[in-house]
PDB file of all heavy atoms in Angstrom:
ATOM      1  N   ASN A   1       0.836  -1.192   0.000  1.00  0.00           N
ATOM      2  CA  ASN A   1       0.000   0.000   0.000  1.00  0.00           C
ATOM      3  C   ASN A   1       0.876   1.248   0.000  1.00  0.00           C
ATOM      4  O   ASN A   1       1.659   1.457   0.926  1.00  0.00           O
ATOM      5  CB  ASN A   1      -0.904   0.037   1.236  1.00  0.00           C
ATOM      6  CG  ASN A   1      -1.862  -1.124   1.256  1.00  0.00           C
ATOM      7  OD1 ASN A   1      -2.578  -1.361   0.293  1.00  0.00           O
ATOM      8  ND2 ASN A   1      -1.874  -1.861   2.343  1.00  0.00           N
ATOM      9  N   ASN A   2       0.749   2.051  -1.043  1.00  0.00           N
ATOM     10  CA  ASN A   2       1.360   3.371  -1.072  1.00  0.00           C
ATOM     11  C   ASN A   2       0.310   4.288  -0.453  1.00  0.00           C
ATOM     12  O   ASN A   2      -0.544   4.832  -1.145  1.00  0.00           O
ATOM     13  CB  ASN A   2       1.693   3.774  -2.511  1.00  0.00           C
ATOM     14  CG  ASN A   2       2.369   5.123  -2.595  1.00  0.00           C
ATOM     15  OD1 ASN A   2       2.403   5.883  -1.633  1.00  0.00           O
ATOM     16  ND2 ASN A   2       2.906   5.429  -3.754  1.00  0.00           N
ATOM     17  N   VAL A   3       0.342   4.403   0.857  1.00  0.00           N
ATOM     18  CA  VAL A   3      -0.733   5.025   1.627  1.00  0.00           C
ATOM     19  C   VAL A   3      -0.964   6.482   1.227  1.00  0.00           C
ATOM     20  O   VAL A   3      -2.101   6.900   1.025  1.00  0.00           O
ATOM     21  CB  VAL A   3      -0.469   4.884   3.139  1.00  0.00           C
ATOM     22  CG1 VAL A   3      -1.548   5.566   3.954  1.00  0.00           C
ATOM     23  CG2 VAL A   3      -0.353   3.407   3.520  1.00  0.00           C
ATOM     24  N   VAL A   4       0.092   7.257   1.097  1.00  0.00           N
ATOM     25  CA  VAL A   4      -0.047   8.679   0.793  1.00  0.00           C
ATOM     26  C   VAL A   4      -0.707   8.885  -0.569  1.00  0.00           C
ATOM     27  O   VAL A   4      -1.546   9.764  -0.738  1.00  0.00           O
ATOM     28  CB  VAL A   4       1.324   9.386   0.854  1.00  0.00           C
ATOM     29  CG1 VAL A   4       1.225  10.841   0.444  1.00  0.00           C
ATOM     30  CG2 VAL A   4       1.915   9.270   2.259  1.00  0.00           C
ATOM     31  N   ALA A   5      -0.368   8.051  -1.548  1.00  0.00           N
ATOM     32  CA  ALA A   5      -0.944   8.181  -2.891  1.00  0.00           C
ATOM     33  C   ALA A   5      -2.302   7.483  -3.009  1.00  0.00           C
ATOM     34  O   ALA A   5      -2.983   7.633  -4.016  1.00  0.00           O
ATOM     35  CB  ALA A   5       0.014   7.609  -3.928  1.00  0.00           C
ATOM     36  N   GLY A   6      -2.678   6.711  -1.995  1.00  0.00           N
ATOM     37  CA  GLY A   6      -3.953   6.008  -2.045  1.00  0.00           C
ATOM     38  C   GLY A   6      -3.962   4.862  -3.041  1.00  0.00           C
ATOM     39  O   GLY A   6      -4.986   4.562  -3.643  1.00  0.00           O
ATOM     40  N   GLU A   7      -2.812   4.204  -3.207  1.00  0.00           N
ATOM     41  CA  GLU A   7      -2.694   3.108  -4.161  1.00  0.00           C
ATOM     42  C   GLU A   7      -2.392   1.804  -3.433  1.00  0.00           C
ATOM     43  O   GLU A   7      -1.643   1.794  -2.457  1.00  0.00           O
ATOM     44  CB  GLU A   7      -1.559   3.372  -5.150  1.00  0.00           C
ATOM     45  CG  GLU A   7      -1.713   4.644  -5.938  1.00  0.00           C
ATOM     46  CD  GLU A   7      -0.476   4.982  -6.750  1.00  0.00           C
ATOM     47  OE1 GLU A   7       0.652   4.685  -6.306  1.00  0.00           O
ATOM     48  OE2 GLU A   7      -0.645   5.556  -7.837  1.00  0.00           O
ATOM     49  N   SER A   8      -2.954   0.706  -3.943  1.00  0.00           N
ATOM     50  CA  SER A   8      -2.668  -0.622  -3.408  1.00  0.00           C
ATOM     51  C   SER A   8      -2.308  -1.551  -4.556  1.00  0.00           C
ATOM     52  O   SER A   8      -2.898  -1.470  -5.638  1.00  0.00           O
ATOM     53  CB  SER A   8      -3.882  -1.186  -2.664  1.00  0.00           C
ATOM     54  OG  SER A   8      -4.113  -0.452  -1.487  1.00  0.00           O
ATOM     55  N   PHE A   9      -1.357  -2.427  -4.299  1.00  0.00           N
ATOM     56  CA  PHE A   9      -0.892  -3.364  -5.313  1.00  0.00           C
ATOM     57  C   PHE A   9      -0.902  -4.772  -4.737  1.00  0.00           C
ATOM     58  O   PHE A   9      -0.459  -4.986  -3.606  1.00  0.00           O
ATOM     59  CB  PHE A   9       0.520  -2.992  -5.776  1.00  0.00           C
ATOM     60  CG  PHE A   9       0.619  -1.597  -6.321  1.00  0.00           C
ATOM     61  CD1 PHE A   9       0.916  -0.532  -5.489  1.00  0.00           C
ATOM     62  CD2 PHE A   9       0.384  -1.337  -7.659  1.00  0.00           C
ATOM     63  CE1 PHE A   9       1.001   0.765  -5.978  1.00  0.00           C
ATOM     64  CE2 PHE A   9       0.459  -0.046  -8.166  1.00  0.00           C
ATOM     65  CZ  PHE A   9       0.771   1.007  -7.324  1.00  0.00           C
ATOM     66  N   ARG A  10      -1.378  -5.731  -5.546  1.00  0.00           N
ATOM     67  CA  ARG A  10      -1.426  -7.141  -5.138  1.00  0.00           C
ATOM     68  C   ARG A  10      -0.974  -8.014  -6.298  1.00  0.00           C
ATOM     69  O   ARG A  10      -1.007  -7.598  -7.445  1.00  0.00           O
ATOM     70  CB  ARG A  10      -2.850  -7.558  -4.801  1.00  0.00           C
ATOM     71  CG  ARG A  10      -3.474  -6.901  -3.631  1.00  0.00           C
ATOM     72  CD  ARG A  10      -4.947  -7.327  -3.545  1.00  0.00           C
ATOM     73  NE  ARG A  10      -5.559  -6.780  -2.383  1.00  0.00           N
ATOM     74  CZ  ARG A  10      -5.802  -7.461  -1.269  1.00  0.00           C
ATOM     75  NH1 ARG A  10      -5.527  -8.729  -1.203  1.00  0.00           N
ATOM     76  NH2 ARG A  10      -6.343  -6.871  -0.233  1.00  0.00           N
ATOM     77  N   GLY A  11      -0.611  -9.231  -5.968  1.00  0.00           N
ATOM     78  CA  GLY A  11      -0.322 -10.235  -6.983  1.00  0.00           C
ATOM     79  C   GLY A  11       0.657  -9.764  -8.034  1.00  0.00           C
ATOM     80  O   GLY A  11       1.721  -9.240  -7.727  1.00  0.00           O
ATOM     81  N   GLU A  12       0.268  -9.923  -9.305  1.00  0.00           N
ATOM     82  CA  GLU A  12       1.157  -9.588 -10.414  1.00  0.00           C
ATOM     83  C   GLU A  12       1.470  -8.092 -10.493  1.00  0.00           C
ATOM     84  O   GLU A  12       2.411  -7.685 -11.157  1.00  0.00           O
ATOM     85  CB  GLU A  12       0.557 -10.056 -11.742  1.00  0.00           C
ATOM     86  CG  GLU A  12      -0.717  -9.321 -12.122  1.00  0.00           C
ATOM     87  CD  GLU A  12      -1.377  -9.881 -13.362  1.00  0.00           C
ATOM     88  OE1 GLU A  12      -1.618 -11.100 -13.408  1.00  0.00           O
ATOM     89  OE2 GLU A  12      -1.635  -9.081 -14.279  1.00  0.00           O
ATOM     90  N   HIS A  13       0.720  -7.261  -9.798  1.00  0.00           N
ATOM     91  CA  HIS A  13       0.941  -5.813  -9.834  1.00  0.00           C
ATOM     92  C   HIS A  13       1.841  -5.312  -8.703  1.00  0.00           C
ATOM     93  O   HIS A  13       2.075  -4.105  -8.593  1.00  0.00           O
ATOM     94  CB  HIS A  13      -0.396  -5.069  -9.800  1.00  0.00           C
ATOM     95  CG  HIS A  13      -1.227  -5.359 -11.011  1.00  0.00           C
ATOM     96  ND1 HIS A  13      -0.940  -4.832 -12.248  1.00  0.00           N
ATOM     97  CD2 HIS A  13      -2.310  -6.157 -11.178  1.00  0.00           C
ATOM     98  CE1 HIS A  13      -1.812  -5.277 -13.124  1.00  0.00           C
ATOM     99  NE2 HIS A  13      -2.659  -6.087 -12.501  1.00  0.00           N
ATOM    100  N   LEU A  14       2.360  -6.224  -7.876  1.00  0.00           N
ATOM    101  CA  LEU A  14       3.221  -5.812  -6.764  1.00  0.00           C
ATOM    102  C   LEU A  14       4.453  -5.038  -7.237  1.00  0.00           C
ATOM    103  O   LEU A  14       4.910  -4.137  -6.554  1.00  0.00           O
ATOM    104  CB  LEU A  14       3.661  -7.021  -5.935  1.00  0.00           C
ATOM    105  CG  LEU A  14       2.660  -7.494  -4.900  1.00  0.00           C
ATOM    106  CD1 LEU A  14       3.106  -8.814  -4.291  1.00  0.00           C
ATOM    107  CD2 LEU A  14       2.447  -6.462  -3.819  1.00  0.00           C
ATOM    108  N   GLY A  15       4.960  -5.350  -8.393  1.00  0.00           N
ATOM    109  CA  GLY A  15       6.167  -4.698  -8.888  1.00  0.00           C
ATOM    110  C   GLY A  15       5.919  -3.404  -9.646  1.00  0.00           C
ATOM    111  O   GLY A  15       6.874  -2.724 -10.036  1.00  0.00           O
ATOM    112  N   ASP A  16       4.656  -3.032  -9.877  1.00  0.00           N
ATOM    113  CA  ASP A  16       4.348  -1.835 -10.674  1.00  0.00           C
ATOM    114  C   ASP A  16       5.007  -0.575 -10.118  1.00  0.00           C
ATOM    115  O   ASP A  16       5.574   0.223 -10.871  1.00  0.00           O
ATOM    116  CB  ASP A  16       2.836  -1.620 -10.773  1.00  0.00           C
ATOM    117  CG  ASP A  16       2.138  -2.670 -11.623  1.00  0.00           C
ATOM    118  OD1 ASP A  16       2.826  -3.554 -12.183  1.00  0.00           O
ATOM    119  OD2 ASP A  16       0.896  -2.617 -11.705  1.00  0.00           O
ATOM    120  N   GLN A  17       4.951  -0.374  -8.824  1.00  0.00           N
ATOM    121  CA  GLN A  17       5.530   0.821  -8.209  1.00  0.00           C
ATOM    122  C   GLN A  17       7.048   0.827  -8.356  1.00  0.00           C
ATOM    123  O   GLN A  17       7.647   1.870  -8.574  1.00  0.00           O
ATOM    124  CB  GLN A  17       5.135   0.915  -6.733  1.00  0.00           C
ATOM    125  CG  GLN A  17       5.486   2.207  -6.074  1.00  0.00           C
ATOM    126  CD  GLN A  17       4.640   3.373  -6.575  1.00  0.00           C
ATOM    127  OE1 GLN A  17       3.545   3.218  -7.053  1.00  0.00           O
ATOM    128  NE2 GLN A  17       5.178   4.558  -6.471  1.00  0.00           N
ATOM    129  N   VAL A  18       7.659  -0.342  -8.275  1.00  0.00           N
ATOM    130  CA  VAL A  18       9.112  -0.448  -8.430  1.00  0.00           C
ATOM    131  C   VAL A  18       9.514  -0.040  -9.848  1.00  0.00           C
ATOM    132  O   VAL A  18      10.481   0.700 -10.047  1.00  0.00           O
ATOM    133  CB  VAL A  18       9.597  -1.879  -8.106  1.00  0.00           C
ATOM    134  CG1 VAL A  18      11.075  -2.040  -8.407  1.00  0.00           C
ATOM    135  CG2 VAL A  18       9.297  -2.216  -6.654  1.00  0.00           C
ATOM    136  N   VAL A  19       8.764  -0.504 -10.841  1.00  0.00           N
ATOM    137  CA  VAL A  19       9.045  -0.156 -12.237  1.00  0.00           C
ATOM    138  C   VAL A  19       8.909   1.354 -12.445  1.00  0.00           C
ATOM    139  O   VAL A  19       9.772   1.995 -13.055  1.00  0.00           O
ATOM    140  CB  VAL A  19       8.120  -0.938 -13.198  1.00  0.00           C
ATOM    141  CG1 VAL A  19       8.251  -0.423 -14.625  1.00  0.00           C
ATOM    142  CG2 VAL A  19       8.430  -2.427 -13.136  1.00  0.00           C
ATOM    143  N   THR A  20       7.828   1.930 -11.923  1.00  0.00           N
ATOM    144  CA  THR A  20       7.598   3.374 -12.062  1.00  0.00           C
ATOM    145  C   THR A  20       8.734   4.171 -11.435  1.00  0.00           C
ATOM    146  O   THR A  20       9.271   5.099 -12.042  1.00  0.00           O
ATOM    147  CB  THR A  20       6.256   3.766 -11.416  1.00  0.00           C
ATOM    148  OG1 THR A  20       5.209   3.076 -12.097  1.00  0.00           O
ATOM    149  CG2 THR A  20       6.014   5.262 -11.485  1.00  0.00           C
ATOM    150  N   MET A  21       9.104   3.819 -10.209  1.00  0.00           N
ATOM    151  CA  MET A  21      10.178   4.546  -9.525  1.00  0.00           C
ATOM    152  C   MET A  21      11.519   4.325 -10.212  1.00  0.00           C
ATOM    153  O   MET A  21      12.355   5.225 -10.261  1.00  0.00           O
ATOM    154  CB  MET A  21      10.252   4.135  -8.050  1.00  0.00           C
ATOM    155  CG  MET A  21       9.082   4.633  -7.222  1.00  0.00           C
ATOM    156  SD  MET A  21       8.865   6.426  -7.240  1.00  0.00           S
ATOM    157  CE  MET A  21      10.307   6.957  -6.346  1.00  0.00           C
ATOM    158  N   GLY A  22      11.729   3.127 -10.759  1.00  0.00           N
ATOM    159  CA  GLY A  22      12.972   2.835 -11.474  1.00  0.00           C
ATOM    160  C   GLY A  22      13.151   3.694 -12.708  1.00  0.00           C
ATOM    161  O   GLY A  22      14.272   4.038 -13.081  1.00  0.00           O
ATOM    162  N   ARG A  23      12.047   4.040 -13.362  1.00  0.00           N
ATOM    163  CA  ARG A  23      12.124   4.931 -14.528  1.00  0.00           C
ATOM    164  C   ARG A  23      12.458   6.356 -14.113  1.00  0.00           C
ATOM    165  O   ARG A  23      13.205   7.051 -14.778  1.00  0.00           O
ATOM    166  CB  ARG A  23      10.790   4.935 -15.273  1.00  0.00           C
ATOM    167  CG  ARG A  23      10.535   3.681 -16.040  1.00  0.00           C
ATOM    168  CD  ARG A  23       9.262   3.807 -16.874  1.00  0.00           C
ATOM    169  NE  ARG A  23       8.905   2.510 -17.401  1.00  0.00           N
ATOM    170  CZ  ARG A  23       7.714   1.945 -17.276  1.00  0.00           C
ATOM    171  NH1 ARG A  23       6.748   2.579 -16.645  1.00  0.00           N
ATOM    172  NH2 ARG A  23       7.482   0.759 -17.780  1.00  0.00           N
ATOM    173  N   LEU A  24      11.880   6.799 -13.013  1.00  0.00           N
ATOM    174  CA  LEU A  24      12.083   8.156 -12.514  1.00  0.00           C
ATOM    175  C   LEU A  24      13.472   8.322 -11.891  1.00  0.00           C
ATOM    176  O   LEU A  24      14.161   9.306 -12.123  1.00  0.00           O
ATOM    177  CB  LEU A  24      11.003   8.492 -11.479  1.00  0.00           C
ATOM    178  CG  LEU A  24      11.014   9.863 -10.845  1.00  0.00           C
ATOM    179  CD1 LEU A  24      10.742  10.941 -11.872  1.00  0.00           C
ATOM    180  CD2 LEU A  24       9.977   9.931  -9.733  1.00  0.00           C
ATOM    181  N   VAL A  25      13.868   7.335 -11.093  1.00  0.00           N
ATOM    182  CA  VAL A  25      15.127   7.385 -10.347  1.00  0.00           C
ATOM    183  C   VAL A  25      15.827   6.022 -10.498  1.00  0.00           C
ATOM    184  O   VAL A  25      15.689   5.142  -9.647  1.00  0.00           O
ATOM    185  CB  VAL A  25      14.855   7.689  -8.852  1.00  0.00           C
ATOM    186  CG1 VAL A  25      16.152   7.861  -8.080  1.00  0.00           C
ATOM    187  CG2 VAL A  25      13.979   8.911  -8.688  1.00  0.00           C
ATOM    188  N   PRO A  26      16.583   5.814 -11.596  1.00  0.00           N
ATOM    189  CA  PRO A  26      17.172   4.499 -11.872  1.00  0.00           C
ATOM    190  C   PRO A  26      18.123   3.982 -10.789  1.00  0.00           C
ATOM    191  O   PRO A  26      18.258   2.776 -10.605  1.00  0.00           O
ATOM    192  CB  PRO A  26      17.928   4.708 -13.186  1.00  0.00           C
ATOM    193  CG  PRO A  26      17.343   5.937 -13.789  1.00  0.00           C
ATOM    194  CD  PRO A  26      16.836   6.769 -12.658  1.00  0.00           C
ATOM    195  N   ASP A  27      18.776   4.873 -10.047  1.00  0.00           N
ATOM    196  CA  ASP A  27      19.701   4.442  -8.998  1.00  0.00           C
ATOM    197  C   ASP A  27      19.040   4.471  -7.614  1.00  0.00           C
ATOM    198  O   ASP A  27      19.709   4.602  -6.591  1.00  0.00           O
ATOM    199  CB  ASP A  27      20.964   5.296  -9.008  1.00  0.00           C
ATOM    200  CG  ASP A  27      20.707   6.772  -8.692  1.00  0.00           C
ATOM    201  OD1 ASP A  27      19.530   7.210  -8.745  1.00  0.00           O
ATOM    202  OD2 ASP A  27      21.679   7.491  -8.406  1.00  0.00           O
ATOM    203  N   ILE A  28      17.739   4.307  -7.579  1.00  0.00           N
ATOM    204  CA  ILE A  28      16.979   4.393  -6.327  1.00  0.00           C
ATOM    205  C   ILE A  28      17.497   3.396  -5.297  1.00  0.00           C
ATOM    206  O   ILE A  28      17.864   2.273  -5.622  1.00  0.00           O
ATOM    207  CB  ILE A  28      15.473   4.186  -6.590  1.00  0.00           C
ATOM    208  CG1 ILE A  28      14.648   4.609  -5.374  1.00  0.00           C
ATOM    209  CG2 ILE A  28      15.177   2.771  -7.032  1.00  0.00           C
ATOM    210  CD1 ILE A  28      13.158   4.707  -5.669  1.00  0.00           C
ATOM    211  N   HIS A  29      17.574   3.866  -4.070  1.00  0.00           N
ATOM    212  CA  HIS A  29      17.938   2.975  -2.956  1.00  0.00           C
ATOM    213  C   HIS A  29      17.339   3.542  -1.666  1.00  0.00           C
ATOM    214  O   HIS A  29      16.917   4.681  -1.614  1.00  0.00           O
ATOM    215  CB  HIS A  29      19.457   2.810  -2.844  1.00  0.00           C
ATOM    216  CG  HIS A  29      20.184   4.088  -2.576  1.00  0.00           C
ATOM    217  ND1 HIS A  29      20.463   5.017  -3.562  1.00  0.00           N
ATOM    218  CD2 HIS A  29      20.678   4.601  -1.438  1.00  0.00           C
ATOM    219  CE1 HIS A  29      21.106   6.038  -3.028  1.00  0.00           C
ATOM    220  NE2 HIS A  29      21.245   5.824  -1.737  1.00  0.00           N
ATOM    221  N   ARG A  30      17.312   2.709  -0.663  1.00  0.00           N
ATOM    222  CA  ARG A  30      16.745   3.088   0.631  1.00  0.00           C
ATOM    223  C   ARG A  30      17.861   3.189   1.649  1.00  0.00           C
ATOM    224  O   ARG A  30      18.648   2.267   1.805  1.00  0.00           O
ATOM    225  CB  ARG A  30      15.721   2.030   1.078  1.00  0.00           C
ATOM    226  CG  ARG A  30      14.543   1.970   0.156  1.00  0.00           C
ATOM    227  CD  ARG A  30      13.695   0.713   0.421  1.00  0.00           C
ATOM    228  NE  ARG A  30      12.382   0.943  -0.110  1.00  0.00           N
ATOM    229  CZ  ARG A  30      11.306   1.204   0.623  1.00  0.00           C
ATOM    230  NH1 ARG A  30      11.377   1.193   1.926  1.00  0.00           N
ATOM    231  NH2 ARG A  30      10.157   1.453   0.060  1.00  0.00           N
TER     232      ARG A  30
END
């Protein structure tokens, strides 16, 4: 759950947010 954006991802869509962030910030890390 991306709580602030009001988005939830399950199953095959779990990686969608990772793909989106990877395009915006390819060297993303925590």
